[in-house]
Amino acid sequence: MAGPFIVITPDEATVQEVAQHLQPLELQPLLHFRTLQEWIRYEQNTETAPAALILLALALPDSEGLDAFAEVKLRAIQTPVIALLRREEAMLGIHLLQMGAADYLFRDELCALLLQHVVARALERQKLQNALSEYLQELYASESRFRAILRHYPDGLLVLDEAGRVLLANSEAFRLLMLAETELVGQSIEALFRVSEPGFVVVEALQGLRKLRMQEIACEEDGCRLVLLREPTPAEQGVGVSAGLFTMPA
């Protein structure tokens, strides 16, 4: 449920004008606060949904200018804040945008069309930003889960890009291939292995050639590939090794 539309200004005429101009947008009931502290007390004591939008006059009885905006934005991080300026405050406009203001308007230029446009744009932008934030959080959580799986997977695991370069690898892959992360990530898969019979690859080690069991899994959605590596069983160790450069199947 959307929260209320809040106006923080000591000017009653401004509140009435804003309410009239924004009537076509069918926002939640407008709440009016005359001072910054009055709004802060409301924020601290209410359990309703966060405000949908805040229209803030920078000339308040208990706070002015950028300090007033900073105090409001600090307490309403996910709410678009539009600053209402007097002409003599025009130089603050660029600083307000840099501090995170959704927009700013001049009190002597308020009209229905302009106010509706600025408010609608601020609400839509905030909606997109919130959606992006949720997506990034989900992506981060998904990546964190994947890295946890990668870290604890018992076999060696390589994640390759479409060109066959190593994007990620787990500690078991580093051990089996006897390479450090800096040596492995970014390396072409074709440079890592020499061919054996199907399902096996050979790694060059200090003590000679080392045979590994290999399985490839294609990720159809994003074009990446997974390569699983493990130590061969004693029976598999006995299968002969043929020389030559390793070529990944298409």
Protein backbone atom coordinates (compact mmCIF):
# COMPACT_ATOMS: atom_id res chain seq x y z
CA MET A 1 0.00 0.00 0.00
CA ALA A 2 1.38 3.40 -0.99
CA GLY A 3 2.17 5.84 1.78
CA PRO A 4 0.90 9.42 2.10
CA PHE A 5 2.01 12.43 0.11
CA ILE A 6 3.80 14.78 2.51
CA VAL A 7 4.32 18.53 2.28
CA ILE A 8 6.71 20.19 4.72
CA THR A 9 6.26 23.95 4.65
CA PRO A 10 5.03 26.68 7.03
CA ASP A 11 2.96 28.21 4.21
CA GLU A 12 -0.72 27.14 4.31
CA ALA A 13 -1.42 28.71 0.91
CA THR A 14 1.22 26.49 -0.70
CA VAL A 15 -0.35 23.37 0.80
CA GLN A 16 -3.79 24.26 -0.52
CA GLU A 17 -2.38 25.05 -3.96
CA VAL A 18 -0.42 21.81 -4.13
CA ALA A 19 -3.43 19.74 -3.03
CA GLN A 20 -5.56 21.31 -5.74
CA HIS A 21 -2.97 20.88 -8.49
CA LEU A 22 -2.30 17.21 -7.66
CA GLN A 23 -5.91 16.12 -7.32
CA PRO A 24 -5.93 14.44 -10.80
CA LEU A 25 -3.03 12.14 -9.79
CA GLU A 26 -5.17 10.50 -7.08
CA LEU A 27 -2.34 10.27 -4.57
CA GLN A 28 -2.79 9.19 -0.97
CA PRO A 29 -4.18 11.84 1.41
CA LEU A 30 -1.85 14.78 1.78
CA LEU A 31 -0.20 15.31 5.18
CA HIS A 32 1.05 18.77 6.08
CA PHE A 33 3.88 19.52 8.51
CA ARG A 34 4.91 23.09 9.31
CA THR A 35 8.34 22.34 10.77
CA LEU A 36 11.04 19.72 10.34
CA GLN A 37 10.71 18.53 13.94
CA GLU A 38 6.95 18.09 13.54
CA TRP A 39 7.55 15.75 10.61
CA ILE A 40 10.35 13.90 12.44
CA ARG A 41 8.04 13.21 15.40
CA TYR A 42 5.44 11.86 12.99
CA GLU A 43 8.04 9.58 11.37
CA GLN A 44 9.20 8.26 14.71
CA ASN A 45 5.72 7.51 16.02
CA THR A 46 3.86 6.23 12.96
CA GLU A 47 3.68 2.65 11.72
CA THR A 48 2.10 3.44 8.35
CA ALA A 49 3.79 2.82 5.01
CA PRO A 50 6.66 5.18 4.11
CA ALA A 51 5.66 8.35 2.30
CA ALA A 52 5.10 8.04 -1.43
CA LEU A 53 6.66 11.47 -2.01
CA ILE A 54 7.82 14.48 0.01
CA LEU A 55 7.57 18.09 -1.13
CA LEU A 56 9.97 20.07 1.03
CA ALA A 57 10.26 23.84 1.37
CA LEU A 58 13.85 24.74 2.27
CA ALA A 59 12.80 27.73 4.36
CA LEU A 60 11.49 26.17 7.57
CA PRO A 61 11.23 27.72 11.05
CA ASP A 62 13.65 25.18 12.53
CA SER A 63 15.93 24.37 9.57
CA GLU A 64 16.93 25.91 6.25
CA GLY A 65 18.64 25.21 2.96
CA LEU A 66 20.73 22.11 2.33
CA ASP A 67 20.68 21.16 6.01
CA ALA A 68 16.91 20.79 5.90
CA PHE A 69 17.07 18.64 2.78
CA ALA A 70 19.88 16.46 4.15
CA GLU A 71 17.93 15.78 7.35
CA VAL A 72 14.81 14.75 5.41
CA LYS A 73 16.64 12.59 2.86
CA LEU A 74 18.58 10.82 5.60
CA ARG A 75 15.29 9.71 7.14
CA ALA A 76 13.50 8.99 3.83
CA ILE A 77 16.11 7.21 1.72
CA GLN A 78 13.59 5.30 -0.42
CA THR A 79 11.21 8.25 -0.87
CA PRO A 80 11.57 10.80 -3.68
CA VAL A 81 12.01 14.30 -2.25
CA ILE A 82 11.19 17.37 -4.36
CA ALA A 83 12.56 20.66 -3.03
CA LEU A 84 10.47 23.83 -3.19
CA LEU A 85 12.75 26.86 -3.57
CA ARG A 86 12.49 30.60 -3.33
CA ARG A 87 14.17 32.59 -6.09
CA GLU A 88 17.05 33.56 -3.80
CA GLU A 89 17.74 29.84 -3.26
CA ALA A 90 18.22 29.13 -6.98
CA MET A 91 21.94 28.41 -6.57
CA LEU A 92 21.09 25.43 -4.35
CA GLY A 93 19.37 23.53 -7.16
CA ILE A 94 22.43 21.73 -8.51
CA HIS A 95 23.58 20.81 -5.00
CA LEU A 96 20.18 19.35 -4.19
CA LEU A 97 20.31 17.09 -7.24
CA GLN A 98 23.79 15.95 -6.26
CA MET A 99 22.49 15.12 -2.78
CA GLY A 100 19.71 12.94 -4.19
CA ALA A 101 16.75 15.25 -4.74
CA ALA A 102 14.25 13.89 -7.24
CA ASP A 103 13.81 17.44 -8.58
CA TYR A 104 13.27 21.02 -7.46
CA LEU A 105 10.66 23.68 -8.20
CA PHE A 106 10.39 27.41 -7.63
CA ARG A 107 7.50 28.51 -5.44
CA ASP A 108 6.57 31.41 -7.74
CA GLU A 109 6.31 29.08 -10.78
CA LEU A 110 3.95 26.49 -9.33
CA CYS A 111 1.20 25.49 -11.71
CA ALA A 112 -0.91 22.37 -12.11
CA LEU A 113 0.73 21.09 -15.31
CA LEU A 114 4.31 21.53 -14.09
CA LEU A 115 3.70 20.10 -10.65
CA GLN A 116 1.85 17.06 -12.01
CA HIS A 117 4.63 16.40 -14.51
CA VAL A 118 7.44 16.66 -11.95
CA VAL A 119 5.63 14.56 -9.34
CA ALA A 120 4.62 11.84 -11.82
CA ARG A 121 8.17 11.65 -13.16
CA ALA A 122 9.65 11.43 -9.66
CA LEU A 123 7.26 8.64 -8.67
CA GLU A 124 7.99 6.65 -11.83
CA ARG A 125 11.75 7.08 -11.43
CA GLN A 126 11.58 5.93 -7.81
CA LYS A 127 9.51 2.91 -8.83
CA LEU A 128 12.18 1.92 -11.36
CA GLN A 129 14.97 2.51 -8.84
CA ASN A 130 13.21 0.34 -6.26
CA ALA A 131 12.71 -2.41 -8.84
CA LEU A 132 16.39 -2.21 -9.81
CA SER A 133 17.44 -2.32 -6.17
CA GLU A 134 15.34 -5.45 -5.58
CA TYR A 135 16.77 -7.09 -8.69
CA LEU A 136 20.35 -6.33 -7.63
CA GLN A 137 19.68 -7.71 -4.16
CA GLU A 138 18.26 -10.90 -5.66
CA LEU A 139 21.21 -11.11 -8.04
CA TYR A 140 23.68 -10.64 -5.20
CA ALA A 141 21.91 -13.27 -3.10
CA SER A 142 21.85 -15.65 -6.08
CA GLU A 143 25.55 -15.06 -6.77
CA SER A 144 26.36 -15.54 -3.09
CA ARG A 145 24.50 -18.86 -3.08
CA PHE A 146 26.27 -19.94 -6.26
CA ARG A 147 29.68 -19.04 -4.84
CA ALA A 148 28.87 -21.01 -1.69
CA ILE A 149 27.98 -24.03 -3.81
CA LEU A 150 31.10 -23.52 -5.91
CA ARG A 151 33.26 -23.29 -2.81
CA HIS A 152 31.91 -26.49 -1.24
CA TYR A 153 31.46 -28.60 -4.36
CA PRO A 154 33.56 -31.74 -3.85
CA ASP A 155 34.81 -32.03 -7.45
CA GLY A 156 36.81 -29.48 -9.37
CA LEU A 157 34.50 -27.00 -11.04
CA LEU A 158 35.29 -24.46 -13.77
CA VAL A 159 32.81 -21.88 -15.09
CA LEU A 160 33.61 -20.86 -18.68
CA ASP A 161 32.35 -17.99 -20.79
CA GLU A 162 31.15 -18.43 -24.39
CA ALA A 163 34.73 -18.16 -25.68
CA GLY A 164 35.91 -20.95 -23.38
CA ARG A 165 37.78 -18.76 -20.90
CA VAL A 166 37.68 -19.53 -17.19
CA LEU A 167 35.44 -17.13 -15.26
CA LEU A 168 35.34 -18.90 -11.90
CA ALA A 169 36.91 -21.95 -10.33
CA ASN A 170 36.74 -23.61 -6.94
CA SER A 171 39.60 -24.63 -4.68
CA GLU A 172 39.43 -28.27 -5.79
CA ALA A 173 39.95 -27.18 -9.41
CA PHE A 174 43.01 -25.19 -8.35
CA ARG A 175 44.35 -28.28 -6.58
CA LEU A 176 43.70 -30.69 -9.44
CA LEU A 177 45.16 -28.38 -12.07
CA MET A 178 47.98 -27.26 -9.74
CA LEU A 179 47.41 -23.62 -10.64
CA ALA A 180 46.78 -20.52 -8.56
CA GLU A 181 43.64 -18.45 -9.12
CA THR A 182 45.61 -15.73 -10.90
CA GLU A 183 47.01 -18.34 -13.30
CA LEU A 184 43.68 -20.02 -13.97
CA VAL A 185 41.00 -17.30 -14.23
CA GLY A 186 40.98 -15.80 -17.71
CA GLN A 187 42.87 -18.73 -19.18
CA SER A 188 41.52 -20.44 -22.29
CA ILE A 189 40.33 -23.96 -21.54
CA GLU A 190 42.20 -25.27 -24.59
CA ALA A 191 45.50 -24.13 -23.08
CA LEU A 192 44.94 -26.07 -19.85
CA PHE A 193 44.48 -29.64 -21.05
CA ARG A 194 46.00 -32.19 -23.38
CA VAL A 195 43.65 -34.77 -24.82
CA SER A 196 43.08 -38.27 -23.59
CA GLU A 197 40.21 -40.59 -24.56
CA PRO A 198 36.63 -39.26 -24.33
CA GLY A 199 35.77 -38.18 -20.79
CA PHE A 200 39.40 -37.75 -19.74
CA VAL A 201 41.96 -34.96 -19.96
CA VAL A 202 45.63 -34.77 -19.17
CA VAL A 203 47.34 -31.98 -17.24
CA GLU A 204 51.04 -31.29 -17.43
CA ALA A 205 52.55 -31.43 -13.94
CA LEU A 206 56.08 -31.21 -12.59
CA GLN A 207 56.19 -34.99 -12.17
CA GLY A 208 54.83 -35.59 -15.69
CA LEU A 209 51.37 -35.99 -17.16
CA ARG A 210 48.41 -36.22 -14.78
CA LYS A 211 45.14 -37.75 -15.88
CA LEU A 212 41.74 -36.34 -14.76
CA ARG A 213 38.13 -37.30 -15.31
CA MET A 214 36.25 -34.50 -17.12
CA GLN A 215 32.56 -33.78 -17.72
CA GLU A 216 31.20 -30.74 -19.52
CA ILE A 217 27.75 -29.21 -18.92
CA ALA A 218 26.31 -26.55 -21.22
CA CYS A 219 24.24 -23.66 -19.79
CA GLU A 220 21.78 -22.94 -22.58
CA GLU A 221 20.33 -19.73 -21.11
CA ASP A 222 23.47 -17.58 -21.00
CA GLY A 223 25.95 -19.53 -23.12
CA CYS A 224 28.34 -20.37 -20.30
CA ARG A 225 29.75 -23.86 -19.73
CA LEU A 226 30.63 -25.85 -16.66
CA VAL A 227 33.52 -28.27 -16.55
CA LEU A 228 33.68 -30.84 -13.76
CA LEU A 229 37.02 -32.41 -12.88
CA ARG A 230 37.90 -35.22 -10.48
CA GLU A 231 40.56 -37.77 -9.76
CA PRO A 232 40.10 -40.95 -11.82
CA THR A 233 39.47 -44.26 -10.13
CA PRO A 234 42.33 -46.80 -10.08
CA ALA A 235 40.64 -48.65 -12.95
CA GLU A 236 40.35 -45.46 -14.97
CA GLN A 237 44.00 -44.64 -14.31
CA GLY A 238 44.95 -47.70 -16.27
CA VAL A 239 43.39 -46.48 -19.52
CA GLY A 240 46.08 -45.32 -21.96
CA VAL A 241 46.79 -41.67 -22.67
CA SER A 242 47.21 -40.35 -26.19
CA ALA A 243 49.12 -37.16 -26.88
CA GLY A 244 47.96 -34.07 -28.72
CA LEU A 245 46.29 -30.76 -28.02
CA PHE A 246 42.98 -30.85 -26.21
CA THR A 247 39.95 -29.54 -28.09
CA MET A 248 36.64 -28.93 -26.31
CA PRO A 249 33.62 -30.40 -28.10
CA ALA A 250 31.34 -27.90 -29.88
